[in-house]
C-alpha atoms as a PDB file:
ATOM      1  CA  UNK A   1      71.654 112.101 -30.910  1.00  0.00           C
ATOM      2  CA  UNK A   2      68.271 115.018 -31.327  1.00  0.00           C
ATOM      3  CA  UNK A   3      71.427 117.348 -32.817  1.00  0.00           C
ATOM      4  CA  UNK A   4      72.508 114.070 -35.206  1.00  0.00           C
ATOM      5  CA  UNK A   5      69.321 114.047 -36.396  1.00  0.00           C
ATOM      6  CA  UNK A   6      68.412 117.413 -37.296  1.00  0.00           C
ATOM      7  CA  UNK A   7      72.197 118.030 -39.368  1.00  0.00           C
ATOM      8  CA  UNK A   8      71.796 114.201 -41.062  1.00  0.00           C
ATOM      9  CA  UNK A   9      67.577 113.914 -41.677  1.00  0.00           C
ATOM     10  CA  UNK A  10      68.065 110.757 -43.893  1.00  0.00           C
ATOM     11  CA  UNK A  11      69.532 109.044 -40.669  1.00  0.00           C
ATOM     12  CA  UNK A  12      66.408 109.738 -38.487  1.00  0.00           C
ATOM     13  CA  UNK A  13      64.381 108.544 -41.440  1.00  0.00           C
ATOM     14  CA  UNK A  14      66.281 105.606 -41.522  1.00  0.00           C
ATOM     15  CA  UNK A  15      65.949 105.106 -37.671  1.00  0.00           C
ATOM     16  CA  UNK A  16      62.103 105.630 -38.016  1.00  0.00           C
ATOM     17  CA  UNK A  17      62.208 103.318 -40.382  1.00  0.00           C
ATOM     18  CA  UNK A  18      63.475 100.335 -38.777  1.00  0.00           C
ATOM     19  CA  UNK A  19      61.555 101.312 -35.256  1.00  0.00           C
ATOM     20  CA  UNK A  20      58.587 100.464 -37.540  1.00  0.00           C
ATOM     21  CA  UNK A  21      59.858  97.192 -38.444  1.00  0.00           C
ATOM     22  CA  UNK A  22      60.104  96.350 -34.626  1.00  0.00           C
ATOM     23  CA  UNK A  23      56.400  97.899 -34.113  1.00  0.00           C
ATOM     24  CA  UNK A  24      55.639  96.112 -37.203  1.00  0.00           C
ATOM     25  CA  UNK A  25      56.335  92.884 -35.485  1.00  0.00           C
ATOM     26  CA  UNK A  26      54.187  93.550 -32.525  1.00  0.00           C
ATOM     27  CA  UNK A  27      51.526  95.061 -34.175  1.00  0.00           C
ATOM     28  CA  UNK A  28      51.605  90.944 -35.916  1.00  0.00           C
ATOM     29  CA  UNK A  29      50.747  89.867 -32.226  1.00  0.00           C
ATOM     30  CA  UNK A  30      48.196  92.497 -31.779  1.00  0.00           C
ATOM     31  CA  UNK A  31      46.315  91.708 -34.886  1.00  0.00           C
ATOM     32  CA  UNK A  32      46.013  88.450 -34.324  1.00  0.00           C
ATOM     33  CA  UNK A  33      45.685  88.019 -30.302  1.00  0.00           C
ATOM     34  CA  UNK A  34      43.120  90.800 -29.720  1.00  0.00           C
ATOM     35  CA  UNK A  35      40.493  89.656 -31.295  1.00  0.00           C
ATOM     36  CA  UNK A  36      40.823  86.353 -29.435  1.00  0.00           C
ATOM     37  CA  UNK A  37      40.897  88.256 -25.962  1.00  0.00           C
ATOM     38  CA  UNK A  38      37.867  89.917 -26.911  1.00  0.00           C
ATOM     39  CA  UNK A  39      35.656  87.091 -27.723  1.00  0.00           C
ATOM     40  CA  UNK A  40      37.087  85.213 -24.724  1.00  0.00           C
ATOM     41  CA  UNK A  41      36.365  88.377 -22.772  1.00  0.00           C
ATOM     42  CA  UNK A  42      32.677  88.043 -24.155  1.00  0.00           C
ATOM     43  CA  UNK A  43      32.589  84.142 -23.464  1.00  0.00           C
ATOM     44  CA  UNK A  44      33.701  84.745 -20.024  1.00  0.00           C
ATOM     45  CA  UNK A  45      30.680  87.552 -19.750  1.00  0.00           C
ATOM     46  CA  UNK A  46      28.225  85.440 -21.038  1.00  0.00           C
ATOM     47  CA  UNK A  47      29.292  82.470 -19.395  1.00  0.00           C
ATOM     48  CA  UNK A  48      29.101  84.893 -15.845  1.00  0.00           C
ATOM     49  CA  UNK A  49      25.293  85.800 -16.553  1.00  0.00           C
ATOM     50  CA  UNK A  50      23.876  82.883 -17.849  1.00  0.00           C
ATOM     51  CA  UNK A  51      25.804  79.868 -16.936  1.00  0.00           C
ATOM     52  CA  UNK A  52      25.014  77.554 -14.422  1.00  0.00           C
ATOM     53  CA  UNK A  53      27.593  77.660 -12.037  1.00  0.00           C
ATOM     54  CA  UNK A  54      29.981  75.408 -13.955  1.00  0.00           C
ATOM     55  CA  UNK A  55      32.153  78.562 -15.462  1.00  0.00           C
ATOM     56  CA  UNK A  56      33.415  79.330 -11.710  1.00  0.00           C
ATOM     57  CA  UNK A  57      33.821  75.505 -10.948  1.00  0.00           C
ATOM     58  CA  UNK A  58      36.166  75.529 -14.030  1.00  0.00           C
ATOM     59  CA  UNK A  59      40.317  75.457 -13.662  1.00  0.00           C
ATOM     60  CA  UNK A  60      42.005  78.984 -14.068  1.00  0.00           C
ATOM     61  CA  UNK A  61      42.440  79.305 -18.486  1.00  0.00           C
ATOM     62  CA  UNK A  62      45.866  79.636 -19.560  1.00  0.00           C
ATOM     63  CA  UNK A  63      47.024  83.134 -19.929  1.00  0.00           C
ATOM     64  CA  UNK A  64      46.870  84.760 -23.167  1.00  0.00           C
ATOM     65  CA  UNK A  65      46.968  88.290 -23.526  1.00  0.00           C
ATOM     66  CA  UNK A  66      49.668  90.247 -25.711  1.00  0.00           C
ATOM     67  CA  UNK A  67      52.787  89.184 -23.883  1.00  0.00           C
ATOM     68  CA  UNK A  68      52.048  85.547 -22.692  1.00  0.00           C
ATOM     69  CA  UNK A  69      52.200  82.905 -23.976  1.00  0.00           C
ATOM     70  CA  UNK A  70      55.307  82.886 -26.000  1.00  0.00           C
ATOM     71  CA  UNK A  71      54.847  82.875 -30.046  1.00  0.00           C
ATOM     72  CA  UNK A  72      54.420  79.733 -31.374  1.00  0.00           C
ATOM     73  CA  UNK A  73      54.708  77.912 -34.457  1.00  0.00           C
ATOM     74  CA  UNK A  74      50.662  77.268 -35.473  1.00  0.00           C
ATOM     75  CA  UNK A  75      51.560  73.858 -36.691  1.00  0.00           C
ATOM     76  CA  UNK A  76      53.709  72.101 -33.934  1.00  0.00           C
ATOM     77  CA  UNK A  77      53.354  74.735 -30.829  1.00  0.00           C
ATOM     78  CA  UNK A  78      57.142  75.329 -30.931  1.00  0.00           C
ATOM     79  CA  UNK A  79      58.129  78.637 -29.447  1.00  0.00           C
ATOM     80  CA  UNK A  80      59.572  80.666 -31.583  1.00  0.00           C
ATOM     81  CA  UNK A  81      63.314  81.634 -30.347  1.00  0.00           C
ATOM     82  CA  UNK A  82      64.010  85.311 -30.303  1.00  0.00           C
ATOM     83  CA  UNK A  83      66.398  85.833 -32.718  1.00  0.00           C
ATOM     84  CA  UNK A  84      63.799  83.935 -35.655  1.00  0.00           C
ATOM     85  CA  UNK A  85      61.156  86.691 -33.971  1.00  0.00           C
ATOM     86  CA  UNK A  86      63.704  89.586 -35.447  1.00  0.00           C
ATOM     87  CA  UNK A  87      61.637  91.620 -38.086  1.00  0.00           C
ATOM     88  CA  UNK A  88      62.243  90.862 -41.721  1.00  0.00           C
ATOM     89  CA  UNK A  89      65.563  89.176 -41.157  1.00  0.00           C
ATOM     90  CA  UNK A  90      64.118  86.380 -39.421  1.00  0.00           C
ATOM     91  CA  UNK A  91      61.761  85.288 -42.106  1.00  0.00           C
ATOM     92  CA  UNK A  92      64.300  85.729 -44.940  1.00  0.00           C
ATOM     93  CA  UNK A  93      67.439  83.681 -42.544  1.00  0.00           C
ATOM     94  CA  UNK A  94      64.013  81.236 -42.155  1.00  0.00           C
ATOM     95  CA  UNK A  95      63.247  81.214 -45.679  1.00  0.00           C
ATOM     96  CA  UNK A  96      59.829  81.349 -44.826  1.00  0.00           C
ATOM     97  CA  UNK A  97      59.234  77.941 -42.773  1.00  0.00           C
ATOM     98  CA  UNK A  98      59.335  76.928 -38.858  1.00  0.00           C
ATOM     99  CA  UNK A  99      62.789  75.482 -37.692  1.00  0.00           C
ATOM    100  CA  UNK A 100      61.515  73.252 -35.969  1.00  0.00           C
ATOM    101  CA  UNK A 101      58.718  71.078 -38.364  1.00  0.00           C
ATOM    102  CA  UNK A 102      59.022  73.181 -41.619  1.00  0.00           C
ATOM    103  CA  UNK A 103      55.500  74.436 -41.863  1.00  0.00           C
ATOM    104  CA  UNK A 104      55.223  77.190 -44.255  1.00  0.00           C
ATOM    105  CA  UNK A 105      55.064  80.720 -42.258  1.00  0.00           C
ATOM    106  CA  UNK A 106      53.035  83.099 -43.994  1.00  0.00           C
ATOM    107  CA  UNK A 107      54.212  86.014 -45.637  1.00  0.00           C
ATOM    108  CA  UNK A 108      51.893  88.593 -44.190  1.00  0.00           C
ATOM    109  CA  UNK A 109      53.754  88.269 -41.329  1.00  0.00           C
ATOM    110  CA  UNK A 110      57.419  89.913 -42.785  1.00  0.00           C
ATOM    111  CA  UNK A 111      55.012  92.327 -44.997  1.00  0.00           C
ATOM    112  CA  UNK A 112      53.282  94.274 -41.909  1.00  0.00           C
ATOM    113  CA  UNK A 113      56.670  94.865 -40.568  1.00  0.00           C
ATOM    114  CA  UNK A 114      57.951  95.623 -44.127  1.00  0.00           C
ATOM    115  CA  UNK A 115      54.803  97.895 -44.593  1.00  0.00           C
ATOM    116  CA  UNK A 116      54.994  99.480 -41.096  1.00  0.00           C
ATOM    117  CA  UNK A 117      58.948  99.671 -41.582  1.00  0.00           C
ATOM    118  CA  UNK A 118      58.049 102.224 -44.939  1.00  0.00           C
ATOM    119  CA  UNK A 119      55.067 104.228 -43.319  1.00  0.00           C
ATOM    120  CA  UNK A 120      57.075 104.982 -40.048  1.00  0.00           C
ATOM    121  CA  UNK A 121      60.096 106.122 -42.500  1.00  0.00           C
ATOM    122  CA  UNK A 122      57.608 108.209 -44.471  1.00  0.00           C
ATOM    123  CA  UNK A 123      55.995 109.990 -41.773  1.00  0.00           C
ATOM    124  CA  UNK A 124      59.634 110.709 -40.225  1.00  0.00           C
ATOM    125  CA  UNK A 125      60.160 112.243 -43.588  1.00  0.00           C
ATOM    126  CA  UNK A 126      57.010 114.140 -43.833  1.00  0.00           C
ATOM    127  CA  UNK A 127      56.973 115.815 -40.173  1.00  0.00           C
ATOM    128  CA  UNK A 128      60.683 115.805 -39.284  1.00  0.00           C
ATOM    129  CA  UNK A 129      62.194 115.482 -35.469  1.00  0.00           C
ATOM    130  CA  UNK A 130      59.112 117.076 -33.944  1.00  0.00           C
ATOM    131  CA  UNK A 131      56.156 116.299 -31.979  1.00  0.00           C
ATOM    132  CA  UNK A 132      54.138 115.987 -34.909  1.00  0.00           C
ATOM    133  CA  UNK A 133      56.080 113.427 -35.913  1.00  0.00           C
ATOM    134  CA  UNK A 134      55.652 110.773 -32.713  1.00  0.00           C
ATOM    135  CA  UNK A 135      51.839 111.744 -32.407  1.00  0.00           C
ATOM    136  CA  UNK A 136      51.774 110.964 -36.612  1.00  0.00           C
ATOM    137  CA  UNK A 137      53.801 107.515 -36.176  1.00  0.00           C
ATOM    138  CA  UNK A 138      50.716 106.454 -32.707  1.00  0.00           C
ATOM    139  CA  UNK A 139      47.828 107.566 -35.431  1.00  0.00           C
ATOM    140  CA  UNK A 140      50.196 105.278 -38.221  1.00  0.00           C
ATOM    141  CA  UNK A 141      50.899 101.983 -36.164  1.00  0.00           C
ATOM    142  CA  UNK A 142      46.916 102.361 -35.235  1.00  0.00           C
ATOM    143  CA  UNK A 143      45.682 102.938 -38.356  1.00  0.00           C
ATOM    144  CA  UNK A 144      47.694  99.663 -39.917  1.00  0.00           C
ATOM    145  CA  UNK A 145      46.097  97.643 -36.918  1.00  0.00           C
ATOM    146  CA  UNK A 146      42.867  98.221 -37.240  1.00  0.00           C
ATOM    147  CA  UNK A 147      42.761  97.691 -41.218  1.00  0.00           C
ATOM    148  CA  UNK A 148      44.292  94.375 -40.608  1.00  0.00           C
ATOM    149  CA  UNK A 149      41.865  93.297 -37.618  1.00  0.00           C
ATOM    150  CA  UNK A 150      38.966  94.595 -39.405  1.00  0.00           C
ATOM    151  CA  UNK A 151      39.548  92.534 -42.639  1.00  0.00           C
ATOM    152  CA  UNK A 152      40.138  89.318 -40.202  1.00  0.00           C
ATOM    153  CA  UNK A 153      37.330  89.805 -38.165  1.00  0.00           C
ATOM    154  CA  UNK A 154      34.770  92.498 -39.543  1.00  0.00           C
ATOM    155  CA  UNK A 155      35.379  94.318 -36.126  1.00  0.00           C
ATOM    156  CA  UNK A 156      37.185  98.070 -35.074  1.00  0.00           C
ATOM    157  CA  UNK A 157      38.064  96.895 -31.555  1.00  0.00           C
ATOM    158  CA  UNK A 158      36.899  99.933 -29.133  1.00  0.00           C
ATOM    159  CA  UNK A 159      40.382  99.623 -27.289  1.00  0.00           C
ATOM    160  CA  UNK A 160      41.916 100.850 -29.981  1.00  0.00           C
ATOM    161  CA  UNK A 161      39.796 103.272 -31.066  1.00  0.00           C
ATOM    162  CA  UNK A 162      38.162 105.088 -28.338  1.00  0.00           C
ATOM    163  CA  UNK A 163      41.968 105.927 -27.006  1.00  0.00           C
ATOM    164  CA  UNK A 164      42.737 107.292 -30.552  1.00  0.00           C
ATOM    165  CA  UNK A 165      39.281 109.281 -30.173  1.00  0.00           C
ATOM    166  CA  UNK A 166      40.621 110.838 -26.954  1.00  0.00           C
ATOM    167  CA  UNK A 167      44.474 111.388 -27.530  1.00  0.00           C
ATOM    168  CA  UNK A 168      43.773 112.998 -31.084  1.00  0.00           C
ATOM    169  CA  UNK A 169      41.125 115.445 -29.098  1.00  0.00           C
ATOM    170  CA  UNK A 170      43.726 115.940 -25.508  1.00  0.00           C
ATOM    171  CA  UNK A 171      46.759 116.697 -28.722  1.00  0.00           C
ATOM    172  CA  UNK A 172      44.483 119.442 -29.769  1.00  0.00           C
ATOM    173  CA  UNK A 173      45.210 121.001 -26.540  1.00  0.00           C
ATOM    174  CA  UNK A 174      48.828 120.870 -27.235  1.00  0.00           C
ATOM    175  CA  UNK A 175      51.164 123.278 -29.124  1.00  0.00           C
ATOM    176  CA  UNK A 176      54.300 122.817 -31.034  1.00  0.00           C
ATOM    177  CA  UNK A 177      57.624 123.979 -30.757  1.00  0.00           C
ATOM    178  CA  UNK A 178      56.200 127.051 -33.104  1.00  0.00           C
ATOM    179  CA  UNK A 179      53.238 127.744 -30.395  1.00  0.00           C
ATOM    180  CA  UNK A 180      50.687 126.629 -32.989  1.00  0.00           C
ATOM    181  CA  UNK A 181      48.311 123.955 -32.443  1.00  0.00           C
ATOM    182  CA  UNK A 182      50.224 120.495 -33.273  1.00  0.00           C
ATOM    183  CA  UNK A 183      47.235 119.224 -35.668  1.00  0.00           C
ATOM    184  CA  UNK A 184      44.547 121.485 -35.230  1.00  0.00           C
ATOM    185  CA  UNK A 185      42.408 123.611 -33.305  1.00  0.00           C
ATOM    186  CA  UNK A 186      40.805 122.278 -29.821  1.00  0.00           C
ATOM    187  CA  UNK A 187      37.804 123.484 -31.735  1.00  0.00           C
ATOM    188  CA  UNK A 188      38.516 122.017 -34.820  1.00  0.00           C
ATOM    189  CA  UNK A 189      39.148 118.402 -33.265  1.00  0.00           C
ATOM    190  CA  UNK A 190      35.578 118.740 -31.125  1.00  0.00           C
ATOM    191  CA  UNK A 191      33.569 119.792 -34.208  1.00  0.00           C
ATOM    192  CA  UNK A 192      35.732 117.177 -36.162  1.00  0.00           C
ATOM    193  CA  UNK A 193      35.049 113.986 -33.610  1.00  0.00           C
ATOM    194  CA  UNK A 194      31.085 115.297 -33.165  1.00  0.00           C
ATOM    195  CA  UNK A 195      30.777 115.638 -37.458  1.00  0.00           C
ATOM    196  CA  UNK A 196      32.947 112.536 -38.149  1.00  0.00           C
ATOM    197  CA  UNK A 197      30.833 110.330 -35.656  1.00  0.00           C
ATOM    198  CA  UNK A 198      27.369 111.663 -36.752  1.00  0.00           C
ATOM    199  CA  UNK A 199      27.720 111.713 -40.611  1.00  0.00           C
ATOM    200  CA  UNK A 200      28.305 107.480 -40.789  1.00  0.00           C
ATOM    201  CA  UNK A 201      25.945 107.314 -37.866  1.00  0.00           C
ATOM    202  CA  UNK A 202      23.052 109.007 -40.089  1.00  0.00           C
ATOM    203  CA  UNK A 203      24.211 107.295 -42.829  1.00  0.00           C
ATOM    204  CA  UNK A 204      23.682 104.121 -40.848  1.00  0.00           C
ATOM    205  CA  UNK A 205      20.424 105.127 -40.034  1.00  0.00           C
ATOM    206  CA  UNK A 206      19.157 105.911 -43.069  1.00  0.00           C
ATOM    207  CA  UNK A 207      20.077 102.708 -44.825  1.00  0.00           C
ATOM    208  CA  UNK A 208      18.658 100.509 -42.058  1.00  0.00           C
ATOM    209  CA  UNK A 209      15.025 102.844 -42.280  1.00  0.00           C
ATOM    210  CA  UNK A 210      15.061 101.799 -46.207  1.00  0.00           C
ATOM    211  CA  UNK A 211      16.778  98.879 -46.599  1.00  0.00           C
ATOM    212  CA  UNK A 212      16.094  96.798 -43.091  1.00  0.00           C
ATOM    213  CA  UNK A 213      19.778  95.790 -43.062  1.00  0.00           C
ATOM    214  CA  UNK A 214      23.331  97.129 -41.130  1.00  0.00           C
ATOM    215  CA  UNK A 215      25.015  98.724 -44.081  1.00  0.00           C
ATOM    216  CA  UNK A 216      28.188  99.295 -41.818  1.00  0.00           C
ATOM    217  CA  UNK A 217      29.359  98.574 -38.024  1.00  0.00           C
ATOM    218  CA  UNK A 218      29.386 100.849 -34.982  1.00  0.00           C
ATOM    219  CA  UNK A 219      33.632 101.196 -34.821  1.00  0.00           C
ATOM    220  CA  UNK A 220      33.084 103.003 -38.552  1.00  0.00           C
ATOM    221  CA  UNK A 221      31.721 105.757 -36.705  1.00  0.00           C
ATOM    222  CA  UNK A 222      34.311 106.027 -33.920  1.00  0.00           C
ATOM    223  CA  UNK A 223      37.461 105.672 -36.160  1.00  0.00           C
ATOM    224  CA  UNK A 224      35.554 108.316 -38.097  1.00  0.00           C
ATOM    225  CA  UNK A 225      35.844 110.132 -34.834  1.00  0.00           C
ATOM    226  CA  UNK A 226      38.914 109.482 -33.760  1.00  0.00           C
ATOM    227  CA  UNK A 227      40.661 110.984 -37.249  1.00  0.00           C
ATOM    228  CA  UNK A 228      37.923 114.137 -37.436  1.00  0.00           C
ATOM    229  CA  UNK A 229      39.917 114.834 -33.644  1.00  0.00           C
ATOM    230  CA  UNK A 230      42.916 114.449 -35.566  1.00  0.00           C
ATOM    231  CA  UNK A 231      42.637 116.201 -38.404  1.00  0.00           C
ATOM    232  CA  UNK A 232      39.824 118.816 -37.967  1.00  0.00           C
ATOM    233  CA  UNK A 233      36.384 118.494 -39.785  1.00  0.00           C
ATOM    234  CA  UNK A 234      37.923 119.991 -42.883  1.00  0.00           C
ATOM    235  CA  UNK A 235      39.419 116.489 -43.450  1.00  0.00           C
ATOM    236  CA  UNK A 236      36.074 114.894 -43.272  1.00  0.00           C
ATOM    237  CA  UNK A 237      34.859 114.893 -46.609  1.00  0.00           C
ATOM    238  CA  UNK A 238      38.278 113.917 -47.968  1.00  0.00           C
ATOM    239  CA  UNK A 239      38.171 111.342 -46.128  1.00  0.00           C
ATOM    240  CA  UNK A 240      35.439 109.849 -46.700  1.00  0.00           C
ATOM    241  CA  UNK A 241      35.661 110.264 -50.504  1.00  0.00           C
ATOM    242  CA  UNK A 242      38.510 108.771 -50.592  1.00  0.00           C
ATOM    243  CA  UNK A 243      37.332 106.083 -48.834  1.00  0.00           C
ATOM    244  CA  UNK A 244      34.461 105.727 -50.970  1.00  0.00           C
ATOM    245  CA  UNK A 245      36.478 105.601 -53.625  1.00  0.00           C
ATOM    246  CA  UNK A 246      39.213 102.941 -52.555  1.00  0.00           C
ATOM    247  CA  UNK A 247      36.925 100.657 -51.379  1.00  0.00           C
ATOM    248  CA  UNK A 248      34.719 100.369 -54.509  1.00  0.00           C
ATOM    249  CA  UNK A 249      37.529 100.002 -56.584  1.00  0.00           C
ATOM    250  CA  UNK A 250      38.291  96.990 -54.024  1.00  0.00           C
ATOM    251  CA  UNK A 251      34.871  96.145 -53.809  1.00  0.00           C
ATOM    252  CA  UNK A 252      34.534  95.243 -57.935  1.00  0.00           C
ATOM    253  CA  UNK A 253      38.283  93.929 -58.131  1.00  0.00           C
ATOM    254  CA  UNK A 254      36.798  91.258 -55.301  1.00  0.00           C
ATOM    255  CA  UNK A 255      33.758  90.356 -57.257  1.00  0.00           C
ATOM    256  CA  UNK A 256      35.376  90.205 -60.519  1.00  0.00           C
ATOM    257  CA  UNK A 257      38.961  88.424 -59.568  1.00  0.00           C
ATOM    258  CA  UNK A 258      37.734  86.762 -56.732  1.00  0.00           C
ATOM    259  CA  UNK A 259      34.348  85.921 -57.839  1.00  0.00           C
ATOM    260  CA  UNK A 260      33.533  87.622 -53.877  1.00  0.00           C
ATOM    261  CA  UNK A 261      29.899  87.010 -52.717  1.00  0.00           C
ATOM    262  CA  UNK A 262      27.881  90.029 -53.075  1.00  0.00           C
ATOM    263  CA  UNK A 263      26.226  89.179 -50.004  1.00  0.00           C
ATOM    264  CA  UNK A 264      29.224  88.372 -47.761  1.00  0.00           C
ATOM    265  CA  UNK A 265      29.900  92.099 -46.377  1.00  0.00           C
ATOM    266  CA  UNK A 266      32.780  93.982 -47.020  1.00  0.00           C
ATOM    267  CA  UNK A 267      34.566  95.723 -44.082  1.00  0.00           C
ATOM    268  CA  UNK A 268      35.034  99.684 -44.702  1.00  0.00           C
ATOM    269  CA  UNK A 269      37.391 100.202 -41.385  1.00  0.00           C
ATOM    270  CA  UNK A 270      40.250  99.106 -43.775  1.00  0.00           C
ATOM    271  CA  UNK A 271      39.371 102.158 -46.717  1.00  0.00           C
ATOM    272  CA  UNK A 272      38.761 104.370 -44.159  1.00  0.00           C
ATOM    273  CA  UNK A 273      42.223 103.910 -42.450  1.00  0.00           C
ATOM    274  CA  UNK A 274      44.316 104.575 -45.766  1.00  0.00           C
ATOM    275  CA  UNK A 275      41.856 107.637 -46.518  1.00  0.00           C
ATOM    276  CA  UNK A 276      42.782 108.702 -42.617  1.00  0.00           C
ATOM    277  CA  UNK A 277      46.337 108.235 -43.449  1.00  0.00           C
ATOM    278  CA  UNK A 278      46.191 109.809 -46.881  1.00  0.00           C
ATOM    279  CA  UNK A 279      44.493 112.869 -45.005  1.00  0.00           C
ATOM    280  CA  UNK A 280      47.463 112.507 -42.371  1.00  0.00           C
ATOM    281  CA  UNK A 281      50.569 113.093 -45.006  1.00  0.00           C
ATOM    282  CA  UNK A 282      48.927 115.002 -47.983  1.00  0.00           C
ATOM    283  CA  UNK A 283      45.671 116.151 -46.560  1.00  0.00           C
ATOM    284  CA  UNK A 284      46.318 119.894 -47.069  1.00  0.00           C
ATOM    285  CA  UNK A 285      47.748 119.189 -50.597  1.00  0.00           C
ATOM    286  CA  UNK A 286      44.973 117.565 -51.642  1.00  0.00           C
ATOM    287  CA  UNK A 287      42.718 120.363 -50.471  1.00  0.00           C
ATOM    288  CA  UNK A 288      44.642 123.147 -51.611  1.00  0.00           C
ATOM    289  CA  UNK A 289      44.635 121.420 -54.908  1.00  0.00           C
ATOM    290  CA  UNK A 290      40.963 120.732 -55.371  1.00  0.00           C
ATOM    291  CA  UNK A 291      40.109 124.399 -54.621  1.00  0.00           C
ATOM    292  CA  UNK A 292      42.955 125.226 -57.188  1.00  0.00           C
ATOM    293  CA  UNK A 293      41.061 123.277 -59.793  1.00  0.00           C
ATOM    294  CA  UNK A 294      37.698 124.256 -58.973  1.00  0.00           C
ATOM    295  CA  UNK A 295      38.786 127.636 -58.816  1.00  0.00           C
ATOM    296  CA  UNK A 296      37.707 127.982 -54.912  1.00  0.00           C
ATOM    297  CA  UNK A 297      39.602 130.201 -52.888  1.00  0.00           C
END
């Protein structure tokens, strides 16, 4: 199979895209269920610390995780048949409505599947059949999940950001088939993780001391630290600038077009994730273009 993919790179790109569609279907589950799982865990911890014993006497709650219960229609609670869960095809076959009650299905589900498929194909095209491609796919899928969870809940779960950070550091110890570092050297990864975390941590505390308000969440520190571990400290400035520009444009757009209240915080994680993906795919070229345009060598 590997030889076939080497001979037919387009087949590898298409295969990666199809795999991405399937992963996107799973990411829909992660995006919806993980915040609920976190809230349940926090509630149980609070009850254990401050409850009066009623929590222990309560019936065992129904299992709720990334595997169980089966996906069901949010309106009529009818379990979704496996063939209706096929990425994109299930939605198109149902014409965007529940097979049991006819309730409208959110278009965001197939949109996330399609986005994941397209970005997976792009990663396969960019990196080819290499270990770098496998790592870049994991990073991309994680960034997609973090983006939509942060949009929905303004949370960047540690269960995703911290393993992503440690995986980036671990991959810096791995070499590609050519003998070069897989992404960056261990020294570059460690400095990138430290600089990524401390840079936003410093901004957070400076803003809080000046205004008395929190300008961002701690999850943003951890996400930028993870990106620094994967891509190296040299990419951090590019990521911060890109995320700030994209975030500013999005914020202005939401205020002008949708009347977004300025007092309602806007999550920064999605813009960090977008900038991190751009740096992953085109970072070296963007940095080279910048140095060339500025006359720096």
